[in-house]
Amino acid sequence: MVPVLLVLLLVLLLFGAGFAIKILWWIALAVLIMWLLGFLFRSTGSGGSRGRWYRW
C-alpha cells in the first residue's frame, strides 16, 4: 500500500511541476511580447529623438 501511495504522490508532483513550468513559459512569452512592443512603439522625446527604451 505504501509503494502505491508513493508512486501516486510522485506522479502528482511531476504533473504539478510540468503544469507550473508550462504556465511559466506562457507568462514569459507574454512578457517578451509586451517588452518588444514597448521597444518598437516607444514615444519620441522633446527634441524629436527617441527616448530610452527602459524606464529606470
C-alpha atoms as a PDB file:
ATOM      1  CA  MET A   1       0.000   0.000   0.000  1.00  0.00           C
ATOM      2  CA  VAL A   2       2.809   2.441   0.849  1.00  0.00           C
ATOM      3  CA  PRO A   3       4.640   1.980  -2.502  1.00  0.00           C
ATOM      4  CA  VAL A   4       1.409   2.670  -4.386  1.00  0.00           C
ATOM      5  CA  LEU A   5       0.883   5.876  -2.394  1.00  0.00           C
ATOM      6  CA  LEU A   6       4.494   6.935  -3.030  1.00  0.00           C
ATOM      7  CA  VAL A   7       4.113   6.356  -6.759  1.00  0.00           C
ATOM      8  CA  LEU A   8       0.848   8.299  -6.832  1.00  0.00           C
ATOM      9  CA  LEU A   9       2.472  11.133  -4.887  1.00  0.00           C
ATOM     10  CA  LEU A  10       5.398  11.182  -7.321  1.00  0.00           C
ATOM     11  CA  VAL A  11       3.043  11.286 -10.310  1.00  0.00           C
ATOM     12  CA  LEU A  12       1.090  14.126  -8.716  1.00  0.00           C
ATOM     13  CA  LEU A  13       4.272  16.118  -8.045  1.00  0.00           C
ATOM     14  CA  LEU A  14       5.604  15.614 -11.570  1.00  0.00           C
ATOM     15  CA  PHE A  15       2.259  16.542 -13.122  1.00  0.00           C
ATOM     16  CA  GLY A  16       2.040  19.691 -10.980  1.00  0.00           C
ATOM     17  CA  ALA A  17       5.621  20.713 -11.806  1.00  0.00           C
ATOM     18  CA  GLY A  18       5.053  20.174 -15.515  1.00  0.00           C
ATOM     19  CA  PHE A  19       1.879  22.249 -15.445  1.00  0.00           C
ATOM     20  CA  ALA A  20       3.578  25.048 -13.493  1.00  0.00           C
ATOM     21  CA  ILE A  21       6.543  25.097 -15.868  1.00  0.00           C
ATOM     22  CA  LYS A  22       4.221  25.261 -18.876  1.00  0.00           C
ATOM     23  CA  ILE A  23       2.336  28.198 -17.330  1.00  0.00           C
ATOM     24  CA  LEU A  24       5.644  29.969 -16.620  1.00  0.00           C
ATOM     25  CA  TRP A  25       6.687  29.568 -20.261  1.00  0.00           C
ATOM     26  CA  TRP A  26       3.435  31.201 -21.417  1.00  0.00           C
ATOM     27  CA  ILE A  27       3.903  34.063 -18.923  1.00  0.00           C
ATOM     28  CA  ALA A  28       7.492  34.568 -20.095  1.00  0.00           C
ATOM     29  CA  LEU A  29       6.335  34.645 -23.719  1.00  0.00           C
ATOM     30  CA  ALA A  30       3.655  37.252 -22.928  1.00  0.00           C
ATOM     31  CA  VAL A  31       6.192  39.442 -21.097  1.00  0.00           C
ATOM     32  CA  LEU A  32       8.635  39.152 -24.012  1.00  0.00           C
ATOM     33  CA  ILE A  33       5.944  40.234 -26.497  1.00  0.00           C
ATOM     34  CA  MET A  34       4.951  43.202 -24.314  1.00  0.00           C
ATOM     35  CA  TRP A  35       8.612  44.233 -23.962  1.00  0.00           C
ATOM     36  CA  LEU A  36       9.157  44.024 -27.732  1.00  0.00           C
ATOM     37  CA  LEU A  37       6.019  46.073 -28.408  1.00  0.00           C
ATOM     38  CA  GLY A  38       7.173  48.694 -25.900  1.00  0.00           C
ATOM     39  CA  PHE A  39      10.577  48.757 -27.575  1.00  0.00           C
ATOM     40  CA  LEU A  40       9.094  49.195 -31.057  1.00  0.00           C
ATOM     41  CA  PHE A  41       6.360  51.719 -30.205  1.00  0.00           C
ATOM     42  CA  ARG A  42       8.215  53.926 -27.726  1.00  0.00           C
ATOM     43  CA  SER A  43       7.346  57.608 -27.829  1.00  0.00           C
ATOM     44  CA  THR A  44       9.606  60.362 -29.094  1.00  0.00           C
ATOM     45  CA  GLY A  45      11.310  62.797 -26.762  1.00  0.00           C
ATOM     46  CA  SER A  46      11.030  66.592 -26.676  1.00  0.00           C
ATOM     47  CA  GLY A  47      13.868  67.020 -29.203  1.00  0.00           C
ATOM     48  CA  GLY A  48      12.262  64.672 -31.713  1.00  0.00           C
ATOM     49  CA  SER A  49      14.656  61.841 -30.875  1.00  0.00           C
ATOM     50  CA  ARG A  50      13.540  58.640 -29.318  1.00  0.00           C
ATOM     51  CA  GLY A  51      13.932  58.316 -25.570  1.00  0.00           C
ATOM     52  CA  ARG A  52      15.435  55.489 -23.633  1.00  0.00           C
ATOM     53  CA  TRP A  53      13.689  52.163 -24.145  1.00  0.00           C
ATOM     54  CA  TYR A  54      13.926  51.369 -20.438  1.00  0.00           C
ATOM     55  CA  ARG A  55      12.212  53.124 -17.531  1.00  0.00           C
ATOM     56  CA  TRP A  56      14.990  53.433 -14.939  1.00  0.00           C
END
